[in-house]
Amino acid sequence: VTNHLNFSPCTALLDSKALPVPGDSNFFFPSMLLRLAIPFCTLKNARFFMRHKSSGGRRPKKKTYHRVHELDRVMELRKKPSMILHLTSLVQSQPLFLRDLEKNVGFVRKWAFMGLIEKYPSVFRVAGTPPSVSLTARAHSLAQEEAHARASMEPLLVTNLRKLLMLCVDCRVPLQTVELVGPELGLPSDFKECLVAKNPHFFSVRRFGGRDCLVLEDWDSTLAVSAREDRLAQEGVVNLKANGDRRKVKISRDGNYLGPFAFKMNFPAGFRPNVGYLEHLERWQKLEFPSPYLNARRFDAADPKAQKRVVAVIHELLSLTMEKRMTSAQLDAFHAQCRLPSQLLLCLIKHQGIFYLTNKGVRSTVFIKDAYLGSNLIDKCPLLQFYDKFMALCGRANIDLSDNKNSLPMMSRLKSFRKVVSCKIQMRTVLGTLAVNAELGQYICPQII
């Protein structure tokens, strides 16, 4: 410490002979002397005792992750339609008693579903004693079109499932992972029977490492074309050579660049890139990289071209889904199969012009920005088109009252039914509290209002 301190003359007054010795009541350790001496000293190198600061002692600029409220709104808009479609699948085949609704959706969600039944009389009809819920005639006829939409989806699902296996290093994925991302891909619950079993020349199920895996049987080079390359082909720039045009082409302020290895950029409204960032982005957009369908074992993870290829792999994984989005848990399930980076979250945040990570909803979700125009998905598959057509029935103002003439009086009965059930639940809670307190010997009579 003395090498970094400049003691003032006041410190010289502390003579070692005048100090207390061990055994004396006034004895103290040298560390106490140091605490006494430091206030009398002048520090030359003050940075020796404090944390070093970056940027020459200035506070570093806080990095902000800008929200895209249009994509956050997508998660909010999908909550109610998913519940309506779930309830429609429950009552499509036969009416469901309201008292049995709890067995299918649970005690907590039952009240939300009963609110939907009451709010949308154009879709759900309540009738009978005891009351049961079913679809209206118009909703039932429209629900019959789902089978046709799923049948038209089958060739697309087979192609996307083959491309998903081609992205993996061993051309196989555990069945548990396929079931995890199945709803996002549009796969039916029985895809092993209706897709895998019907296409044995494409798929097979084998056991590797104690797990059942879906294995690709036939590699098709014509499918090894990414969605980014398809978009560039439509724009007429996919066949351009990287150095074919010697003219100086500057990148625009929005980060977009016309080239065969460029990604579509869509920065948030509050993002203001500086000149240095745009120059770095221009070099990155011009950088060549291998196809995401090539085996990842052939590349070094530290190579900048391989790092850009990882961005293309994530982009292609999300492009295979129906709504061009996937939860972070679903995306992380392909970490080993697709050799995704260990710091996947930082990779997504770094490329915020391509991806958007939102924490709205139960789980965080990753979007492809160029697949959306505001809150609307640009390219929709037949199944999503059917969902939109069915959900349009909920927003119609001209409800056919002839179809709901028996349903409208039942809505008042539904409200009274909810009140009766709520009172029963409160009484059960009170009686349970009394029983527990009686067993403990601490009988307390709660006030019932």
Protein backbone atom coordinates (compact mmCIF):
# COMPACT_ATOMS: atom_id res chain seq x y z
CA VAL A 1 0.00 0.00 0.00
CA THR A 2 2.89 2.37 0.78
CA ASN A 3 3.97 2.23 -2.87
CA HIS A 4 0.70 3.86 -3.90
CA LEU A 5 0.28 6.31 -1.02
CA ASN A 6 1.92 9.63 -0.33
CA PHE A 7 1.81 10.10 3.45
CA SER A 8 1.55 13.61 4.76
CA PRO A 9 3.70 14.85 7.70
CA CYS A 10 0.80 14.05 10.01
CA THR A 11 1.54 10.36 9.56
CA ALA A 12 5.11 10.79 10.87
CA LEU A 13 3.77 11.68 14.29
CA LEU A 14 2.74 8.04 14.74
CA ASP A 15 5.89 6.69 16.42
CA SER A 16 6.23 2.91 16.80
CA LYS A 17 7.53 3.32 20.40
CA ALA A 18 4.38 5.15 21.38
CA LEU A 19 2.14 2.38 20.06
CA PRO A 20 0.53 -0.06 22.53
CA VAL A 21 2.05 -3.51 22.85
CA PRO A 22 0.23 -6.88 22.98
CA GLY A 23 -1.26 -7.43 26.39
CA ASP A 24 -2.08 -3.78 26.84
CA SER A 25 -5.73 -2.88 27.05
CA ASN A 26 -5.26 -0.26 24.34
CA PHE A 27 -3.57 -2.68 21.92
CA PHE A 28 -4.85 -2.74 18.33
CA PHE A 29 -3.67 -4.55 15.20
CA PRO A 30 -1.71 -2.94 12.32
CA SER A 31 -4.82 -3.09 10.13
CA MET A 32 -6.42 -0.65 12.56
CA LEU A 33 -3.36 1.57 12.17
CA LEU A 34 -3.84 1.48 8.42
CA ARG A 35 -7.43 2.63 8.78
CA LEU A 36 -6.23 5.45 11.01
CA ALA A 37 -3.41 6.48 8.69
CA ILE A 38 -5.32 6.51 5.40
CA PRO A 39 -7.52 9.53 6.28
CA PHE A 40 -4.33 11.54 6.88
CA CYS A 41 -2.79 10.59 3.51
CA THR A 42 -3.13 11.89 0.01
CA LEU A 43 -3.83 9.31 -2.73
CA LYS A 44 -1.84 9.78 -5.90
CA ASN A 45 -3.30 6.83 -7.82
CA ALA A 46 -6.94 6.87 -6.76
CA ARG A 47 -7.87 4.43 -9.50
CA PHE A 48 -6.00 1.75 -7.58
CA PHE A 49 -8.85 1.67 -5.05
CA MET A 50 -11.86 2.01 -7.38
CA ARG A 51 -13.33 0.11 -10.26
CA HIS A 52 -11.99 0.96 -13.69
CA LYS A 53 -14.46 2.65 -16.01
CA SER A 54 -14.63 2.21 -19.73
CA SER A 55 -14.67 5.01 -22.33
CA GLY A 56 -12.14 7.15 -20.46
CA GLY A 57 -14.09 7.29 -17.22
CA ARG A 58 -17.43 8.12 -18.87
CA ARG A 59 -20.49 6.01 -18.27
CA PRO A 60 -20.99 3.59 -21.18
CA LYS A 61 -24.02 4.19 -23.35
CA LYS A 62 -26.99 2.05 -22.38
CA LYS A 63 -28.02 -0.37 -25.10
CA THR A 64 -31.76 -0.48 -25.66
CA TYR A 65 -33.71 -3.29 -27.28
CA HIS A 66 -36.49 -1.56 -29.19
CA ARG A 67 -39.95 -3.08 -29.07
CA VAL A 68 -42.10 -3.67 -32.14
CA HIS A 69 -45.61 -3.11 -30.87
CA GLU A 70 -47.20 -4.54 -34.02
CA LEU A 71 -45.57 -7.93 -33.40
CA ASP A 72 -46.36 -7.75 -29.68
CA ARG A 73 -49.96 -7.24 -30.70
CA VAL A 74 -49.86 -10.50 -32.68
CA MET A 75 -49.47 -12.45 -29.44
CA GLU A 76 -52.41 -10.61 -27.89
CA LEU A 77 -54.61 -11.20 -30.93
CA ARG A 78 -53.92 -14.95 -30.94
CA LYS A 79 -55.08 -15.61 -27.38
CA LYS A 80 -58.84 -15.52 -27.92
CA PRO A 81 -58.90 -17.23 -31.37
CA SER A 82 -56.92 -20.17 -30.02
CA MET A 83 -59.48 -20.64 -27.23
CA ILE A 84 -62.41 -20.39 -29.65
CA LEU A 85 -60.87 -22.94 -32.02
CA HIS A 86 -60.13 -25.26 -29.09
CA LEU A 87 -63.72 -25.08 -27.87
CA THR A 88 -64.96 -25.58 -31.43
CA SER A 89 -62.99 -28.82 -31.73
CA LEU A 90 -64.55 -30.05 -28.46
CA VAL A 91 -68.18 -29.44 -29.44
CA GLN A 92 -67.95 -30.05 -33.19
CA SER A 93 -68.79 -33.75 -33.07
CA GLN A 94 -71.47 -33.64 -30.35
CA PRO A 95 -72.87 -31.17 -27.77
CA LEU A 96 -71.02 -30.82 -24.50
CA PHE A 97 -72.72 -30.38 -21.14
CA LEU A 98 -71.59 -27.26 -19.33
CA ARG A 99 -71.07 -29.27 -16.18
CA ASP A 100 -68.56 -31.45 -18.09
CA LEU A 101 -66.59 -28.50 -19.44
CA GLU A 102 -64.25 -28.60 -16.46
CA LYS A 103 -63.18 -32.17 -17.32
CA ASN A 104 -61.90 -31.07 -20.74
CA VAL A 105 -60.32 -27.67 -20.08
CA GLY A 106 -59.67 -27.61 -16.33
CA PHE A 107 -61.22 -25.73 -13.44
CA VAL A 108 -59.42 -22.42 -13.99
CA ARG A 109 -59.93 -22.14 -17.76
CA LYS A 110 -63.56 -23.21 -17.50
CA TRP A 111 -64.67 -19.69 -16.60
CA ALA A 112 -62.85 -18.17 -19.56
CA PHE A 113 -64.51 -20.63 -21.94
CA MET A 114 -67.93 -19.92 -20.44
CA GLY A 115 -67.29 -16.25 -21.06
CA LEU A 116 -66.58 -17.03 -24.73
CA ILE A 117 -69.82 -19.00 -25.02
CA GLU A 118 -71.73 -16.03 -23.65
CA LYS A 119 -69.90 -13.47 -25.79
CA TYR A 120 -70.19 -15.18 -29.20
CA PRO A 121 -73.77 -16.41 -29.77
CA SER A 122 -73.09 -16.52 -33.51
CA VAL A 123 -70.71 -19.45 -32.96
CA PHE A 124 -71.93 -21.26 -29.84
CA ARG A 125 -75.47 -22.21 -28.91
CA VAL A 126 -76.64 -23.16 -25.41
CA ALA A 127 -79.82 -25.25 -25.15
CA GLY A 128 -81.39 -28.20 -23.34
CA THR A 129 -81.80 -29.29 -19.75
CA PRO A 130 -79.23 -29.67 -18.32
CA PRO A 131 -77.70 -26.92 -20.49
CA SER A 132 -75.25 -28.03 -23.16
CA VAL A 133 -73.18 -26.08 -25.68
CA SER A 134 -72.95 -26.82 -29.39
CA LEU A 135 -72.12 -25.00 -32.63
CA THR A 136 -74.67 -22.95 -34.48
CA ALA A 137 -75.77 -24.16 -37.93
CA ARG A 138 -73.63 -21.55 -39.68
CA ALA A 139 -70.55 -22.31 -37.57
CA HIS A 140 -71.06 -26.05 -38.00
CA SER A 141 -71.21 -25.81 -41.79
CA LEU A 142 -68.10 -23.63 -41.80
CA ALA A 143 -66.24 -26.02 -39.48
CA GLN A 144 -66.72 -28.80 -42.04
CA GLU A 145 -64.26 -27.00 -44.32
CA GLU A 146 -61.38 -27.70 -41.93
CA ALA A 147 -61.02 -31.23 -43.30
CA HIS A 148 -60.60 -29.85 -46.82
CA ALA A 149 -58.04 -27.29 -45.61
CA ARG A 150 -55.99 -29.95 -43.84
CA ALA A 151 -56.14 -32.22 -46.89
CA SER A 152 -54.75 -29.42 -49.06
CA MET A 153 -52.01 -28.87 -46.46
CA GLU A 154 -50.66 -32.42 -46.66
CA PRO A 155 -48.23 -31.93 -49.61
CA LEU A 156 -46.89 -28.75 -47.99
CA LEU A 157 -46.44 -30.49 -44.63
CA VAL A 158 -44.53 -33.37 -46.22
CA THR A 159 -42.23 -30.94 -48.01
CA ASN A 160 -41.60 -28.83 -44.92
CA LEU A 161 -40.94 -31.90 -42.79
CA ARG A 162 -38.40 -33.15 -45.33
CA LYS A 163 -36.68 -29.76 -45.38
CA LEU A 164 -36.62 -29.72 -41.58
CA LEU A 165 -34.78 -33.04 -41.54
CA MET A 166 -32.39 -31.82 -44.24
CA LEU A 167 -31.36 -28.91 -42.01
CA CYS A 168 -30.15 -31.31 -39.30
CA VAL A 169 -26.60 -32.63 -39.33
CA ASP A 170 -27.66 -36.31 -39.31
CA CYS A 171 -30.97 -35.83 -41.16
CA ARG A 172 -32.89 -37.01 -38.12
CA VAL A 173 -34.85 -35.41 -35.29
CA PRO A 174 -36.20 -37.01 -32.09
CA LEU A 175 -39.93 -37.63 -32.26
CA GLN A 176 -40.31 -35.72 -29.01
CA THR A 177 -38.92 -32.61 -30.71
CA VAL A 178 -41.23 -33.04 -33.70
CA GLU A 179 -44.21 -33.32 -31.36
CA LEU A 180 -43.04 -30.16 -29.56
CA VAL A 181 -43.00 -28.06 -32.73
CA GLY A 182 -45.85 -29.93 -34.44
CA PRO A 183 -48.53 -27.27 -33.77
CA GLU A 184 -46.27 -24.55 -35.19
CA LEU A 185 -45.58 -26.61 -38.31
CA GLY A 186 -49.27 -27.39 -38.74
CA LEU A 187 -48.83 -31.12 -38.16
CA PRO A 188 -51.89 -33.03 -36.97
CA SER A 189 -51.74 -34.84 -33.65
CA ASP A 190 -51.62 -38.20 -35.47
CA PHE A 191 -48.88 -37.22 -37.94
CA LYS A 192 -47.09 -40.54 -37.38
CA GLU A 193 -50.04 -42.38 -38.92
CA CYS A 194 -51.28 -39.91 -41.53
CA LEU A 195 -47.91 -38.54 -42.75
CA VAL A 196 -45.00 -40.76 -41.74
CA ALA A 197 -46.71 -44.10 -42.36
CA LYS A 198 -48.18 -42.93 -45.68
CA ASN A 199 -44.76 -41.81 -46.98
CA PRO A 200 -42.29 -44.62 -46.15
CA HIS A 201 -40.06 -43.58 -49.08
CA PHE A 202 -39.49 -40.22 -47.34
CA PHE A 203 -39.60 -40.96 -43.59
CA SER A 204 -38.90 -43.74 -41.14
CA VAL A 205 -38.82 -44.06 -37.36
CA ARG A 206 -35.67 -45.55 -35.85
CA ARG A 207 -34.18 -45.68 -32.39
CA PHE A 208 -30.93 -43.80 -31.68
CA GLY A 209 -29.45 -43.31 -28.24
CA GLY A 210 -32.52 -44.70 -26.51
CA ARG A 211 -34.91 -42.29 -28.29
CA ASP A 212 -37.24 -42.74 -31.25
CA CYS A 213 -36.17 -40.45 -34.08
CA LEU A 214 -37.73 -39.40 -37.35
CA VAL A 215 -35.19 -40.14 -40.10
CA LEU A 216 -35.05 -38.83 -43.66
CA GLU A 217 -34.86 -41.63 -46.22
CA ASP A 218 -34.38 -39.67 -49.44
CA TRP A 219 -32.32 -36.51 -49.95
CA ASP A 220 -33.72 -34.20 -52.62
CA SER A 221 -31.36 -31.46 -53.81
CA THR A 222 -34.24 -29.55 -55.39
CA LEU A 223 -35.61 -28.90 -51.88
CA ALA A 224 -32.30 -27.46 -50.61
CA VAL A 225 -33.42 -23.92 -51.42
CA SER A 226 -34.11 -21.55 -48.54
CA ALA A 227 -37.01 -19.14 -48.25
CA ARG A 228 -34.54 -16.25 -48.48
CA GLU A 229 -33.28 -17.55 -51.83
CA ASP A 230 -36.86 -17.94 -53.07
CA ARG A 231 -37.54 -14.30 -52.24
CA LEU A 232 -34.36 -13.18 -54.02
CA ALA A 233 -35.33 -15.29 -57.05
CA GLN A 234 -38.64 -13.47 -57.24
CA GLU A 235 -36.75 -10.17 -57.10
CA GLY A 236 -34.32 -11.34 -59.81
CA VAL A 237 -31.10 -11.02 -57.82
CA VAL A 238 -30.35 -14.64 -56.92
CA ASN A 239 -28.13 -15.25 -59.96
CA LEU A 240 -26.03 -12.12 -59.53
CA LYS A 241 -22.35 -12.67 -58.79
CA ALA A 242 -20.88 -11.16 -55.67
CA ASN A 243 -18.21 -9.20 -57.60
CA GLY A 244 -19.97 -9.06 -60.95
CA ASP A 245 -21.04 -5.43 -60.61
CA ARG A 246 -18.05 -3.15 -60.05
CA ARG A 247 -20.17 -0.09 -59.41
CA LYS A 248 -20.11 1.34 -55.92
CA VAL A 249 -23.43 0.40 -54.32
CA LYS A 250 -24.07 2.05 -50.97
CA ILE A 251 -26.27 0.42 -48.40
CA SER A 252 -29.41 2.35 -47.51
CA ARG A 253 -30.16 3.79 -44.11
CA ASP A 254 -32.61 0.98 -43.39
CA GLY A 255 -29.84 -1.62 -43.75
CA ASN A 256 -31.16 -3.27 -46.93
CA TYR A 257 -28.74 -4.22 -49.68
CA LEU A 258 -29.43 -5.73 -53.10
CA GLY A 259 -27.22 -8.79 -53.30
CA PRO A 260 -27.35 -12.60 -53.46
CA PHE A 261 -26.17 -13.00 -49.86
CA ALA A 262 -28.17 -10.20 -48.26
CA PHE A 263 -30.98 -10.49 -45.71
CA LYS A 264 -34.10 -8.38 -45.60
CA MET A 265 -33.69 -5.83 -42.80
CA ASN A 266 -36.50 -4.17 -40.89
CA PHE A 267 -35.23 -2.04 -38.02
CA PRO A 268 -37.64 -0.75 -35.36
CA ALA A 269 -38.86 2.84 -35.48
CA GLY A 270 -36.66 4.05 -32.60
CA PHE A 271 -33.44 2.53 -33.95
CA ARG A 272 -31.01 5.09 -35.40
CA PRO A 273 -27.88 3.40 -36.84
CA ASN A 274 -24.74 5.50 -37.15
CA VAL A 275 -22.28 5.49 -40.03
CA GLY A 276 -19.97 2.94 -38.42
CA TYR A 277 -22.81 0.52 -37.85
CA LEU A 278 -23.98 0.85 -41.47
CA GLU A 279 -20.46 0.26 -42.78
CA HIS A 280 -20.15 -2.90 -40.70
CA LEU A 281 -23.61 -4.02 -41.80
CA GLU A 282 -22.69 -3.43 -45.45
CA ARG A 283 -19.65 -5.70 -45.14
CA TRP A 284 -21.80 -8.33 -43.40
CA GLN A 285 -24.52 -8.16 -46.08
CA LYS A 286 -21.92 -8.66 -48.84
CA LEU A 287 -20.23 -11.56 -47.04
CA GLU A 288 -20.69 -14.89 -48.78
CA PHE A 289 -21.84 -17.85 -46.71
CA PRO A 290 -22.61 -21.53 -47.36
CA SER A 291 -26.12 -22.85 -47.79
CA PRO A 292 -27.99 -23.69 -44.55
CA TYR A 293 -28.71 -27.13 -46.01
CA LEU A 294 -25.02 -28.08 -46.05
CA ASN A 295 -23.76 -30.16 -43.15
CA ALA A 296 -22.66 -27.96 -40.24
CA ARG A 297 -19.75 -30.29 -39.39
CA ARG A 298 -17.88 -29.00 -42.43
CA PHE A 299 -17.46 -25.48 -41.03
CA ASP A 300 -15.57 -23.85 -38.19
CA ALA A 301 -17.89 -22.13 -35.72
CA ALA A 302 -15.46 -19.19 -35.38
CA ASP A 303 -15.48 -18.46 -39.12
CA PRO A 304 -17.53 -15.32 -39.95
CA LYS A 305 -19.07 -17.13 -42.91
CA ALA A 306 -20.19 -19.97 -40.65
CA GLN A 307 -21.64 -17.46 -38.17
CA LYS A 308 -23.67 -15.86 -40.94
CA ARG A 309 -24.78 -19.33 -42.04
CA VAL A 310 -26.20 -19.88 -38.51
CA VAL A 311 -28.41 -16.82 -39.01
CA ALA A 312 -29.63 -18.38 -42.26
CA VAL A 313 -30.38 -21.67 -40.45
CA ILE A 314 -32.49 -19.91 -37.81
CA HIS A 315 -34.27 -17.94 -40.54
CA GLU A 316 -35.05 -21.14 -42.45
CA LEU A 317 -36.28 -22.95 -39.33
CA LEU A 318 -38.75 -20.17 -38.63
CA SER A 319 -39.77 -20.03 -42.30
CA LEU A 320 -40.96 -23.65 -42.16
CA THR A 321 -43.61 -22.82 -39.55
CA MET A 322 -47.13 -21.69 -40.42
CA GLU A 323 -46.94 -18.28 -38.74
CA LYS A 324 -43.18 -17.77 -39.21
CA ARG A 325 -42.60 -17.75 -35.48
CA MET A 326 -41.54 -20.17 -32.77
CA THR A 327 -41.07 -20.05 -29.03
CA SER A 328 -37.54 -19.83 -27.72
CA ALA A 329 -37.90 -23.27 -26.11
CA GLN A 330 -38.96 -24.81 -29.42
CA LEU A 331 -36.07 -23.15 -31.23
CA ASP A 332 -33.60 -24.27 -28.58
CA ALA A 333 -34.79 -27.87 -29.06
CA PHE A 334 -32.84 -27.88 -32.36
CA HIS A 335 -29.63 -26.76 -30.68
CA ALA A 336 -27.82 -30.08 -31.12
CA GLN A 337 -29.37 -31.12 -34.44
CA CYS A 338 -28.72 -27.81 -36.25
CA ARG A 339 -25.59 -26.75 -34.33
CA LEU A 340 -27.12 -23.50 -33.13
CA PRO A 341 -24.87 -21.10 -31.17
CA SER A 342 -24.53 -21.55 -27.43
CA GLN A 343 -25.57 -17.92 -26.85
CA LEU A 344 -28.71 -18.13 -28.96
CA LEU A 345 -30.42 -15.22 -27.22
CA LEU A 346 -27.52 -12.86 -27.92
CA CYS A 347 -27.48 -13.96 -31.55
CA LEU A 348 -31.16 -13.08 -31.93
CA ILE A 349 -30.73 -9.70 -30.24
CA LYS A 350 -27.66 -8.88 -32.31
CA HIS A 351 -29.61 -9.36 -35.53
CA GLN A 352 -32.67 -7.39 -34.48
CA GLY A 353 -33.22 -6.25 -38.05
CA ILE A 354 -34.01 -9.85 -39.05
CA PHE A 355 -35.58 -11.37 -35.93
CA TYR A 356 -37.76 -10.03 -33.16
CA LEU A 357 -37.89 -11.56 -29.69
CA THR A 358 -40.97 -10.75 -27.64
CA ASN A 359 -41.83 -11.73 -24.08
CA LYS A 360 -45.56 -11.33 -24.59
CA GLY A 361 -47.52 -14.45 -23.81
CA VAL A 362 -46.66 -17.41 -21.63
CA ARG A 363 -43.28 -17.96 -23.31
CA SER A 364 -40.90 -15.75 -25.26
CA THR A 365 -41.42 -15.99 -29.01
CA VAL A 366 -39.11 -15.36 -31.98
CA PHE A 367 -40.53 -13.77 -35.16
CA ILE A 368 -39.18 -13.28 -38.68
CA LYS A 369 -39.74 -9.60 -39.33
CA ASP A 370 -39.91 -9.77 -43.12
CA ALA A 371 -42.81 -12.25 -42.91
CA TYR A 372 -45.13 -9.64 -41.36
CA LEU A 373 -46.62 -6.40 -42.54
CA GLY A 374 -47.55 -4.66 -39.33
CA SER A 375 -49.50 -7.25 -37.34
CA ASN A 376 -50.59 -9.24 -40.41
CA LEU A 377 -48.85 -12.31 -41.77
CA ILE A 378 -48.08 -11.81 -45.47
CA ASP A 379 -48.15 -15.40 -46.75
CA LYS A 380 -50.78 -17.66 -45.17
CA CYS A 381 -51.21 -21.38 -45.66
CA PRO A 382 -54.67 -22.91 -46.36
CA LEU A 383 -55.16 -23.84 -42.71
CA LEU A 384 -54.55 -20.27 -41.53
CA GLN A 385 -56.91 -19.01 -44.21
CA PHE A 386 -59.59 -21.32 -42.81
CA TYR A 387 -58.93 -20.04 -39.28
CA ASP A 388 -59.33 -16.44 -40.44
CA LYS A 389 -62.56 -17.31 -42.23
CA PHE A 390 -63.94 -19.00 -39.13
CA MET A 391 -62.88 -16.15 -36.84
CA ALA A 392 -64.60 -13.65 -39.14
CA LEU A 393 -67.85 -15.27 -38.02
CA CYS A 394 -67.21 -13.99 -34.49
CA GLY A 395 -66.95 -10.39 -35.63
CA ARG A 396 -70.09 -10.24 -37.74
CA ALA A 397 -72.65 -7.68 -36.65
CA ASN A 398 -75.58 -9.14 -38.62
CA ILE A 399 -76.22 -12.28 -36.54
CA ASP A 400 -78.92 -14.58 -37.87
CA LEU A 401 -81.43 -14.57 -35.02
CA SER A 402 -83.39 -17.46 -36.51
CA ASP A 403 -80.44 -19.72 -35.86
CA ASN A 404 -80.10 -18.46 -32.29
CA LYS A 405 -83.75 -18.19 -31.25
CA ASN A 406 -83.27 -21.01 -28.75
CA SER A 407 -79.79 -19.85 -27.83
CA LEU A 408 -80.54 -16.28 -26.73
CA PRO A 409 -82.92 -17.22 -23.87
CA MET A 410 -80.37 -19.76 -22.71
CA MET A 411 -77.74 -17.04 -22.28
CA SER A 412 -79.66 -15.64 -19.32
CA ARG A 413 -79.80 -19.17 -17.91
CA LEU A 414 -76.05 -19.45 -18.50
CA LYS A 415 -75.44 -16.30 -16.44
CA SER A 416 -77.56 -17.61 -13.57
CA PHE A 417 -75.80 -20.97 -13.84
CA ARG A 418 -72.43 -19.24 -13.43
CA LYS A 419 -73.69 -17.38 -10.35
CA VAL A 420 -74.98 -20.58 -8.74
CA VAL A 421 -71.71 -22.41 -9.36
CA SER A 422 -69.75 -19.45 -8.00
CA CYS A 423 -71.84 -19.46 -4.80
CA LYS A 424 -71.26 -23.20 -4.39
CA ILE A 425 -67.51 -22.71 -4.71
CA GLN A 426 -67.57 -19.99 -2.04
CA MET A 427 -69.54 -22.25 0.32
CA ARG A 428 -67.08 -25.11 -0.25
CA THR A 429 -64.21 -22.77 0.61
CA VAL A 430 -65.92 -21.60 3.81
CA LEU A 431 -66.77 -25.16 4.92
CA GLY A 432 -63.23 -26.31 4.19
CA THR A 433 -61.82 -23.47 6.29
CA LEU A 434 -64.12 -24.36 9.20
CA ALA A 435 -63.12 -28.02 9.05
CA VAL A 436 -59.40 -27.27 9.07
CA ASN A 437 -59.68 -24.80 11.92
CA ALA A 438 -61.75 -27.30 13.94
CA GLU A 439 -59.06 -29.97 13.57
CA LEU A 440 -56.41 -27.52 14.73
CA GLY A 441 -58.46 -26.58 17.76
CA GLN A 442 -58.59 -22.99 16.58
CA TYR A 443 -62.21 -22.62 15.56
CA ILE A 444 -62.71 -19.28 13.89
CA CYS A 445 -66.01 -18.39 12.30
CA PRO A 446 -65.33 -16.30 9.18
CA GLN A 447 -67.64 -13.46 8.32
CA ILE A 448 -69.76 -14.24 5.30
CA ILE A 449 -70.83 -11.20 3.39
